[in-house]
Amino acid sequence: MARPEKIAQVDAVEASIGAARSIVLSDLTGLNVAKITELRRRCRAAGVELKVVKNTLAKRGIEKTAAKALAPYFEGPTAIAISRETENMPAKVLAKFASEHELPKFKAGFVDGAVLDAKGVLALSKLPTKGELVSQLMGGIQGPARNLLSVMQGPARNLASVLKQISEKQS
């Protein structure tokens, strides 16, 4: 008979993964408690949920979700980073932390129904976020309009400058 604590953990994993926009699996082996605490703090600040659950419970939790293809990657120590907001934030946070500390190592990821290998997760971490893309788009749209306005104001600015010089000369 299953213990209530385990059933609750399986349900929690199923609920978290079911509502996720992106999932990244990583291996935290080699990180001490202070570094894992720092990683958890960074994840929380970025809106990413970091869980460490027994592999058997995690496999049971993902059985009924779209991410059931991740089951083979639950071997050895595995941490699950989940984002409900963006597709690449878990990968970005973990990749930045890994670049500073050489750990954790990526195992796999799951975005939009597709399973990504470690290289795919690393590539995902290098993509700009939605906010960055919107700001780039707005800058691209505003640039030509700003240039046109500057060109149109040029003759008036030149006329004002000439009139000012004439008035200074006459004074």
Foldseek 3Di string as FASTA:
>chain_A
DDDPVLVVLLQVLLVQVQLFQKKWKWAFPPDDPVLVVVLCVLLVVLQKHKDWDQLVSNQSSCPPHLVNVCSVLSDDGIIMITHNPWHQVVLQSQVVSCVVVVDIQTAWMAHPSDIGGRVRSNVSNPDDTPVVVVVVVVCVVVVVVVVVVVVVCVVVVVVVVVVVVVVVVVD
